[in-house]
């Protein structure tokens, strides 16, 4: 997966790895009133937040394999509108879309997580480098130039962030940073739960053991265990 093998699909700058018909179906998706979206620029805390949400929905018992997690919370640009329609409810949908391309409804809910650009750039680099054949130039110098030139998949980090920042106070948008969540994880778990539905937040305030279980089940350590379990299953 070379860094700059991207093209425009319906206004979205995205890597050729993603199928055009799937992308177009995702962009054309009509949200249901009960849809919950997790929206990020890549490497801004997507996986961590995804596990927190699924853990809230399952009382701290999210799906056991990465495959099952992705089926419960499909990335729309990769899996399309059909996966969104088939997914388990209640659940969530993930996108890396700017606001102007995001399937939108005033009744649906949107959780937007951002992160400081330095960490995003470095994390995105190592993520893509791990999937880049050696025949391509995978230097950080080349990658950082593409990052600043808005030529990476998902487009420009700053445009993406600003498109959602303008809607940070909308009643159906919860906007926060990776750094905020890392500093006070329990506070943001409850904040996310309240946004998903007052019944979820109420349950966490009344049961500190449940809050602790959700924090633990969504941790990086447990994600690594699920990834290992998935690899054993597949290979």
C-alpha atoms as a PDB file:
ATOM      1  CA  UNK A   1       0.000   0.000   0.000  1.00  0.00           C
ATOM      2  CA  UNK A   2       2.050   2.947  -1.232  1.00  0.00           C
ATOM      3  CA  UNK A   3       1.287   6.221   0.550  1.00  0.00           C
ATOM      4  CA  UNK A   4       0.179   8.248  -2.454  1.00  0.00           C
ATOM      5  CA  UNK A   5      -1.923   5.782  -4.452  1.00  0.00           C
ATOM      6  CA  UNK A   6      -5.065   7.807  -3.844  1.00  0.00           C
ATOM      7  CA  UNK A   7      -7.838   9.226  -6.003  1.00  0.00           C
ATOM      8  CA  UNK A   8     -10.988  11.319  -5.694  1.00  0.00           C
ATOM      9  CA  UNK A   9     -14.269   9.461  -5.233  1.00  0.00           C
ATOM     10  CA  UNK A  10     -17.320  11.675  -4.856  1.00  0.00           C
ATOM     11  CA  UNK A  11     -15.221  14.462  -3.339  1.00  0.00           C
ATOM     12  CA  UNK A  12     -13.346  12.138  -0.974  1.00  0.00           C
ATOM     13  CA  UNK A  13      -9.575  11.765  -1.388  1.00  0.00           C
ATOM     14  CA  UNK A  14      -9.011   8.091  -0.557  1.00  0.00           C
ATOM     15  CA  UNK A  15      -6.568   5.255  -1.202  1.00  0.00           C
ATOM     16  CA  UNK A  16      -7.156   2.946  -4.159  1.00  0.00           C
ATOM     17  CA  UNK A  17      -7.306   0.055  -1.683  1.00  0.00           C
ATOM     18  CA  UNK A  18     -10.922   1.073  -1.013  1.00  0.00           C
ATOM     19  CA  UNK A  19     -13.434   0.013  -3.680  1.00  0.00           C
ATOM     20  CA  UNK A  20     -15.156   2.868  -5.476  1.00  0.00           C
ATOM     21  CA  UNK A  21     -18.641   1.320  -5.493  1.00  0.00           C
ATOM     22  CA  UNK A  22     -18.429   0.665  -1.741  1.00  0.00           C
ATOM     23  CA  UNK A  23     -17.311   4.241  -1.071  1.00  0.00           C
ATOM     24  CA  UNK A  24     -20.137   5.675  -3.146  1.00  0.00           C
ATOM     25  CA  UNK A  25     -22.693   3.524  -1.333  1.00  0.00           C
ATOM     26  CA  UNK A  26     -21.311   4.767   1.997  1.00  0.00           C
ATOM     27  CA  UNK A  27     -21.537   8.403   0.916  1.00  0.00           C
ATOM     28  CA  UNK A  28     -25.141   7.859  -0.221  1.00  0.00           C
ATOM     29  CA  UNK A  29     -26.251   6.136   3.004  1.00  0.00           C
ATOM     30  CA  UNK A  30     -29.375   7.613   4.611  1.00  0.00           C
ATOM     31  CA  UNK A  31     -28.947   7.596   8.398  1.00  0.00           C
ATOM     32  CA  UNK A  32     -31.656   6.184  10.618  1.00  0.00           C
ATOM     33  CA  UNK A  33     -32.817   8.184  13.609  1.00  0.00           C
ATOM     34  CA  UNK A  34     -31.170   5.699  16.010  1.00  0.00           C
ATOM     35  CA  UNK A  35     -27.798   5.623  14.230  1.00  0.00           C
ATOM     36  CA  UNK A  36     -24.693   6.406  16.255  1.00  0.00           C
ATOM     37  CA  UNK A  37     -21.587   7.425  14.279  1.00  0.00           C
ATOM     38  CA  UNK A  38     -17.996   7.501  15.467  1.00  0.00           C
ATOM     39  CA  UNK A  39     -16.091   9.928  13.232  1.00  0.00           C
ATOM     40  CA  UNK A  40     -12.341  10.546  13.241  1.00  0.00           C
ATOM     41  CA  UNK A  41      -9.440  11.416  11.025  1.00  0.00           C
ATOM     42  CA  UNK A  42      -7.297   8.233  10.917  1.00  0.00           C
ATOM     43  CA  UNK A  43      -5.226   7.493  14.043  1.00  0.00           C
ATOM     44  CA  UNK A  44      -7.079   9.884  16.340  1.00  0.00           C
ATOM     45  CA  UNK A  45      -8.313   7.280  18.821  1.00  0.00           C
ATOM     46  CA  UNK A  46     -10.859   5.459  16.684  1.00  0.00           C
ATOM     47  CA  UNK A  47     -10.242   1.957  18.022  1.00  0.00           C
ATOM     48  CA  UNK A  48     -10.119   2.983  21.679  1.00  0.00           C
ATOM     49  CA  UNK A  49     -13.356   4.959  21.444  1.00  0.00           C
ATOM     50  CA  UNK A  50     -14.985   2.179  19.448  1.00  0.00           C
ATOM     51  CA  UNK A  51     -14.264  -0.327  22.229  1.00  0.00           C
ATOM     52  CA  UNK A  52     -15.545   2.076  24.875  1.00  0.00           C
ATOM     53  CA  UNK A  53     -18.845   2.455  23.012  1.00  0.00           C
ATOM     54  CA  UNK A  54     -19.251  -1.281  22.434  1.00  0.00           C
ATOM     55  CA  UNK A  55     -18.360  -1.951  26.069  1.00  0.00           C
ATOM     56  CA  UNK A  56     -21.021   0.521  27.219  1.00  0.00           C
ATOM     57  CA  UNK A  57     -23.592  -1.207  25.024  1.00  0.00           C
ATOM     58  CA  UNK A  58     -22.668  -4.671  26.345  1.00  0.00           C
ATOM     59  CA  UNK A  59     -22.054  -3.907  30.037  1.00  0.00           C
ATOM     60  CA  UNK A  60     -18.329  -4.377  29.616  1.00  0.00           C
ATOM     61  CA  UNK A  61     -18.467  -7.497  27.459  1.00  0.00           C
ATOM     62  CA  UNK A  62     -17.694  -6.385  23.880  1.00  0.00           C
ATOM     63  CA  UNK A  63     -17.207  -8.908  21.036  1.00  0.00           C
ATOM     64  CA  UNK A  64     -14.276 -11.233  21.660  1.00  0.00           C
ATOM     65  CA  UNK A  65     -12.550 -11.032  18.274  1.00  0.00           C
ATOM     66  CA  UNK A  66     -11.515  -8.093  16.127  1.00  0.00           C
ATOM     67  CA  UNK A  67     -13.600  -9.486  13.254  1.00  0.00           C
ATOM     68  CA  UNK A  68     -16.746  -9.501  15.396  1.00  0.00           C
ATOM     69  CA  UNK A  69     -15.970  -5.977  16.606  1.00  0.00           C
ATOM     70  CA  UNK A  70     -15.685  -4.707  13.030  1.00  0.00           C
ATOM     71  CA  UNK A  71     -18.973  -6.372  12.073  1.00  0.00           C
ATOM     72  CA  UNK A  72     -20.640  -4.669  15.043  1.00  0.00           C
ATOM     73  CA  UNK A  73     -19.112  -1.293  14.128  1.00  0.00           C
ATOM     74  CA  UNK A  74     -18.321  -1.282  10.392  1.00  0.00           C
ATOM     75  CA  UNK A  75     -16.089   1.324   8.772  1.00  0.00           C
ATOM     76  CA  UNK A  76     -18.425   2.575   6.081  1.00  0.00           C
ATOM     77  CA  UNK A  77     -15.778   3.520   3.519  1.00  0.00           C
ATOM     78  CA  UNK A  78     -14.559  -0.090   3.630  1.00  0.00           C
ATOM     79  CA  UNK A  79     -17.830  -1.995   4.069  1.00  0.00           C
ATOM     80  CA  UNK A  80     -20.466   0.267   2.530  1.00  0.00           C
ATOM     81  CA  UNK A  81     -24.106   0.986   3.222  1.00  0.00           C
ATOM     82  CA  UNK A  82     -25.108  -2.680   3.132  1.00  0.00           C
ATOM     83  CA  UNK A  83     -22.966  -3.432   6.188  1.00  0.00           C
ATOM     84  CA  UNK A  84     -24.564  -0.473   7.946  1.00  0.00           C
ATOM     85  CA  UNK A  85     -28.018  -1.884   7.293  1.00  0.00           C
ATOM     86  CA  UNK A  86     -27.057  -5.415   8.409  1.00  0.00           C
ATOM     87  CA  UNK A  87     -25.166  -4.551  11.577  1.00  0.00           C
ATOM     88  CA  UNK A  88     -26.314  -5.485  15.046  1.00  0.00           C
ATOM     89  CA  UNK A  89     -28.378  -2.837  16.823  1.00  0.00           C
ATOM     90  CA  UNK A  90     -27.770  -1.092  19.081  1.00  0.00           C
ATOM     91  CA  UNK A  91     -24.263  -0.543  17.738  1.00  0.00           C
ATOM     92  CA  UNK A  92     -22.317   2.072  15.862  1.00  0.00           C
ATOM     93  CA  UNK A  93     -20.978   3.077  12.478  1.00  0.00           C
ATOM     94  CA  UNK A  94     -17.468   4.409  11.869  1.00  0.00           C
ATOM     95  CA  UNK A  95     -16.293   6.874   9.236  1.00  0.00           C
ATOM     96  CA  UNK A  96     -13.223   8.984   8.485  1.00  0.00           C
ATOM     97  CA  UNK A  97     -15.336  11.521   6.615  1.00  0.00           C
ATOM     98  CA  UNK A  98     -15.299  15.320   6.836  1.00  0.00           C
ATOM     99  CA  UNK A  99     -18.604  16.881   7.814  1.00  0.00           C
ATOM    100  CA  UNK A 100     -19.567  17.882   4.269  1.00  0.00           C
ATOM    101  CA  UNK A 101     -19.388  14.251   3.089  1.00  0.00           C
ATOM    102  CA  UNK A 102     -20.706  12.566   6.225  1.00  0.00           C
ATOM    103  CA  UNK A 103     -24.132  10.892   5.916  1.00  0.00           C
ATOM    104  CA  UNK A 104     -26.076  13.231   8.157  1.00  0.00           C
ATOM    105  CA  UNK A 105     -29.392  13.423   9.957  1.00  0.00           C
ATOM    106  CA  UNK A 106     -30.324  15.833  12.778  1.00  0.00           C
ATOM    107  CA  UNK A 107     -31.771  12.848  14.656  1.00  0.00           C
ATOM    108  CA  UNK A 108     -28.672  10.632  14.383  1.00  0.00           C
ATOM    109  CA  UNK A 109     -25.796  11.068  16.859  1.00  0.00           C
ATOM    110  CA  UNK A 110     -22.155  11.781  16.035  1.00  0.00           C
ATOM    111  CA  UNK A 111     -19.115  11.308  18.262  1.00  0.00           C
ATOM    112  CA  UNK A 112     -16.072  13.121  16.858  1.00  0.00           C
ATOM    113  CA  UNK A 113     -12.617  12.460  18.310  1.00  0.00           C
ATOM    114  CA  UNK A 114      -9.514  14.406  17.313  1.00  0.00           C
ATOM    115  CA  UNK A 115      -5.862  14.353  18.360  1.00  0.00           C
ATOM    116  CA  UNK A 116      -2.838  16.617  18.114  1.00  0.00           C
ATOM    117  CA  UNK A 117      -1.455  16.588  14.557  1.00  0.00           C
ATOM    118  CA  UNK A 118       2.089  15.559  15.474  1.00  0.00           C
ATOM    119  CA  UNK A 119       0.945  12.290  17.068  1.00  0.00           C
ATOM    120  CA  UNK A 120      -1.552  11.716  14.269  1.00  0.00           C
ATOM    121  CA  UNK A 121       1.147  12.113  11.636  1.00  0.00           C
ATOM    122  CA  UNK A 122       3.617   9.791  13.382  1.00  0.00           C
ATOM    123  CA  UNK A 123       1.008   7.136  14.197  1.00  0.00           C
ATOM    124  CA  UNK A 124      -0.458   7.257  10.677  1.00  0.00           C
ATOM    125  CA  UNK A 125       3.041   6.886   9.240  1.00  0.00           C
ATOM    126  CA  UNK A 126       3.882   3.720  11.172  1.00  0.00           C
ATOM    127  CA  UNK A 127       0.445   2.274  10.473  1.00  0.00           C
ATOM    128  CA  UNK A 128       0.783   2.718   6.704  1.00  0.00           C
ATOM    129  CA  UNK A 129       4.459   1.782   6.668  1.00  0.00           C
ATOM    130  CA  UNK A 130       3.586  -1.615   8.158  1.00  0.00           C
ATOM    131  CA  UNK A 131       1.472  -2.312   5.049  1.00  0.00           C
ATOM    132  CA  UNK A 132       3.826  -0.806   2.455  1.00  0.00           C
ATOM    133  CA  UNK A 133       5.915  -3.161   0.246  1.00  0.00           C
ATOM    134  CA  UNK A 134       9.662  -2.574   0.393  1.00  0.00           C
ATOM    135  CA  UNK A 135       9.781  -1.588  -3.270  1.00  0.00           C
ATOM    136  CA  UNK A 136       8.153   1.747  -2.354  1.00  0.00           C
ATOM    137  CA  UNK A 137       9.797   4.696  -0.620  1.00  0.00           C
ATOM    138  CA  UNK A 138       8.404   4.456   2.914  1.00  0.00           C
ATOM    139  CA  UNK A 139      10.548   7.173   4.464  1.00  0.00           C
ATOM    140  CA  UNK A 140       9.019   9.525   7.011  1.00  0.00           C
ATOM    141  CA  UNK A 141      10.349  12.465   5.011  1.00  0.00           C
ATOM    142  CA  UNK A 142       8.225  11.465   2.017  1.00  0.00           C
ATOM    143  CA  UNK A 143       5.221  10.674   4.193  1.00  0.00           C
ATOM    144  CA  UNK A 144       5.341  13.981   6.087  1.00  0.00           C
ATOM    145  CA  UNK A 145       5.461  15.924   2.821  1.00  0.00           C
ATOM    146  CA  UNK A 146       2.347  14.092   1.618  1.00  0.00           C
ATOM    147  CA  UNK A 147       0.670  14.753   4.982  1.00  0.00           C
ATOM    148  CA  UNK A 148       1.295  18.494   4.716  1.00  0.00           C
ATOM    149  CA  UNK A 149       0.348  18.538   1.016  1.00  0.00           C
ATOM    150  CA  UNK A 150      -3.066  16.980   1.805  1.00  0.00           C
ATOM    151  CA  UNK A 151      -2.278  13.958  -0.361  1.00  0.00           C
ATOM    152  CA  UNK A 152      -2.863  11.116   2.114  1.00  0.00           C
ATOM    153  CA  UNK A 153      -5.977   8.965   2.241  1.00  0.00           C
ATOM    154  CA  UNK A 154      -8.831  10.828   4.006  1.00  0.00           C
ATOM    155  CA  UNK A 155      -7.454  14.152   2.792  1.00  0.00           C
ATOM    156  CA  UNK A 156      -6.234  17.043   4.894  1.00  0.00           C
ATOM    157  CA  UNK A 157      -6.161  16.638   8.670  1.00  0.00           C
ATOM    158  CA  UNK A 158      -6.829  20.327   9.330  1.00  0.00           C
ATOM    159  CA  UNK A 159      -9.732  20.642   6.887  1.00  0.00           C
ATOM    160  CA  UNK A 160     -11.255  17.500   8.392  1.00  0.00           C
ATOM    161  CA  UNK A 161     -10.924  18.816  11.936  1.00  0.00           C
ATOM    162  CA  UNK A 162     -12.264  22.284  11.133  1.00  0.00           C
ATOM    163  CA  UNK A 163     -15.277  20.873   9.282  1.00  0.00           C
ATOM    164  CA  UNK A 164     -16.404  19.161  12.496  1.00  0.00           C
ATOM    165  CA  UNK A 165     -15.158  21.842  14.899  1.00  0.00           C
ATOM    166  CA  UNK A 166     -17.786  24.178  13.479  1.00  0.00           C
ATOM    167  CA  UNK A 167     -20.435  21.715  14.723  1.00  0.00           C
ATOM    168  CA  UNK A 168     -18.908  20.976  18.139  1.00  0.00           C
ATOM    169  CA  UNK A 169     -21.855  22.597  19.938  1.00  0.00           C
ATOM    170  CA  UNK A 170     -24.591  20.930  17.905  1.00  0.00           C
ATOM    171  CA  UNK A 171     -26.917  18.942  20.200  1.00  0.00           C
ATOM    172  CA  UNK A 172     -26.332  15.721  18.248  1.00  0.00           C
ATOM    173  CA  UNK A 173     -22.514  16.039  18.180  1.00  0.00           C
ATOM    174  CA  UNK A 174     -20.104  15.088  20.975  1.00  0.00           C
ATOM    175  CA  UNK A 175     -16.682  16.593  20.215  1.00  0.00           C
ATOM    176  CA  UNK A 176     -13.561  15.861  22.274  1.00  0.00           C
ATOM    177  CA  UNK A 177      -9.869  15.037  21.994  1.00  0.00           C
ATOM    178  CA  UNK A 178      -7.838  11.891  22.483  1.00  0.00           C
ATOM    179  CA  UNK A 179      -5.751  13.791  25.022  1.00  0.00           C
ATOM    180  CA  UNK A 180      -8.823  14.704  27.084  1.00  0.00           C
ATOM    181  CA  UNK A 181      -9.939  11.082  27.168  1.00  0.00           C
ATOM    182  CA  UNK A 182      -6.479   9.844  28.135  1.00  0.00           C
ATOM    183  CA  UNK A 183      -6.234  12.389  30.986  1.00  0.00           C
ATOM    184  CA  UNK A 184      -9.604  11.499  32.560  1.00  0.00           C
ATOM    185  CA  UNK A 185     -10.835   8.248  31.044  1.00  0.00           C
ATOM    186  CA  UNK A 186     -13.636   7.581  33.530  1.00  0.00           C
ATOM    187  CA  UNK A 187     -15.114  11.053  33.042  1.00  0.00           C
ATOM    188  CA  UNK A 188     -15.223  10.601  29.277  1.00  0.00           C
ATOM    189  CA  UNK A 189     -16.618   7.080  29.455  1.00  0.00           C
ATOM    190  CA  UNK A 190     -19.564   8.479  31.428  1.00  0.00           C
ATOM    191  CA  UNK A 191     -19.802  11.496  29.099  1.00  0.00           C
ATOM    192  CA  UNK A 192     -19.992   9.190  26.075  1.00  0.00           C
ATOM    193  CA  UNK A 193     -22.557   7.020  27.858  1.00  0.00           C
ATOM    194  CA  UNK A 194     -24.754  10.052  28.623  1.00  0.00           C
ATOM    195  CA  UNK A 195     -24.558  11.117  24.983  1.00  0.00           C
ATOM    196  CA  UNK A 196     -25.585   7.635  23.826  1.00  0.00           C
ATOM    197  CA  UNK A 197     -28.585   7.672  26.142  1.00  0.00           C
ATOM    198  CA  UNK A 198     -29.220   8.844  29.695  1.00  0.00           C
ATOM    199  CA  UNK A 199     -29.913   5.263  30.784  1.00  0.00           C
ATOM    200  CA  UNK A 200     -26.316   4.289  30.000  1.00  0.00           C
ATOM    201  CA  UNK A 201     -24.812   7.131  32.019  1.00  0.00           C
ATOM    202  CA  UNK A 202     -27.181   6.490  34.937  1.00  0.00           C
ATOM    203  CA  UNK A 203     -26.130   2.854  35.063  1.00  0.00           C
ATOM    204  CA  UNK A 204     -22.435   3.785  35.241  1.00  0.00           C
ATOM    205  CA  UNK A 205     -22.976   6.331  38.020  1.00  0.00           C
ATOM    206  CA  UNK A 206     -24.813   3.728  40.079  1.00  0.00           C
ATOM    207  CA  UNK A 207     -22.368   0.879  39.441  1.00  0.00           C
ATOM    208  CA  UNK A 208     -18.671   1.744  39.784  1.00  0.00           C
ATOM    209  CA  UNK A 209     -17.755  -1.895  39.183  1.00  0.00           C
ATOM    210  CA  UNK A 210     -19.366  -1.671  35.753  1.00  0.00           C
ATOM    211  CA  UNK A 211     -17.449   1.532  35.013  1.00  0.00           C
ATOM    212  CA  UNK A 212     -14.212  -0.204  35.968  1.00  0.00           C
ATOM    213  CA  UNK A 213     -15.071  -3.201  33.779  1.00  0.00           C
ATOM    214  CA  UNK A 214     -15.744  -0.955  30.783  1.00  0.00           C
ATOM    215  CA  UNK A 215     -12.452   0.878  31.305  1.00  0.00           C
ATOM    216  CA  UNK A 216     -10.592  -2.436  31.469  1.00  0.00           C
ATOM    217  CA  UNK A 217     -12.385  -4.096  28.550  1.00  0.00           C
ATOM    218  CA  UNK A 218     -11.617  -1.144  26.274  1.00  0.00           C
ATOM    219  CA  UNK A 219      -7.934  -0.915  27.212  1.00  0.00           C
ATOM    220  CA  UNK A 220      -5.087  -1.332  24.737  1.00  0.00           C
ATOM    221  CA  UNK A 221      -3.986  -4.477  26.580  1.00  0.00           C
ATOM    222  CA  UNK A 222      -7.319  -6.175  25.986  1.00  0.00           C
ATOM    223  CA  UNK A 223      -7.394  -5.008  22.371  1.00  0.00           C
ATOM    224  CA  UNK A 224      -4.015  -6.726  21.840  1.00  0.00           C
ATOM    225  CA  UNK A 225      -5.435  -9.926  23.318  1.00  0.00           C
ATOM    226  CA  UNK A 226      -8.409  -9.822  20.953  1.00  0.00           C
ATOM    227  CA  UNK A 227      -6.084  -9.229  18.017  1.00  0.00           C
ATOM    228  CA  UNK A 228      -3.988 -12.264  18.982  1.00  0.00           C
ATOM    229  CA  UNK A 229      -7.148 -14.358  19.350  1.00  0.00           C
ATOM    230  CA  UNK A 230      -8.304 -13.254  15.909  1.00  0.00           C
ATOM    231  CA  UNK A 231      -4.952 -14.128  14.319  1.00  0.00           C
ATOM    232  CA  UNK A 232      -5.046 -17.598  15.873  1.00  0.00           C
ATOM    233  CA  UNK A 233      -8.553 -18.099  14.491  1.00  0.00           C
ATOM    234  CA  UNK A 234      -7.652 -16.940  10.986  1.00  0.00           C
ATOM    235  CA  UNK A 235      -4.249 -18.582  10.697  1.00  0.00           C
END
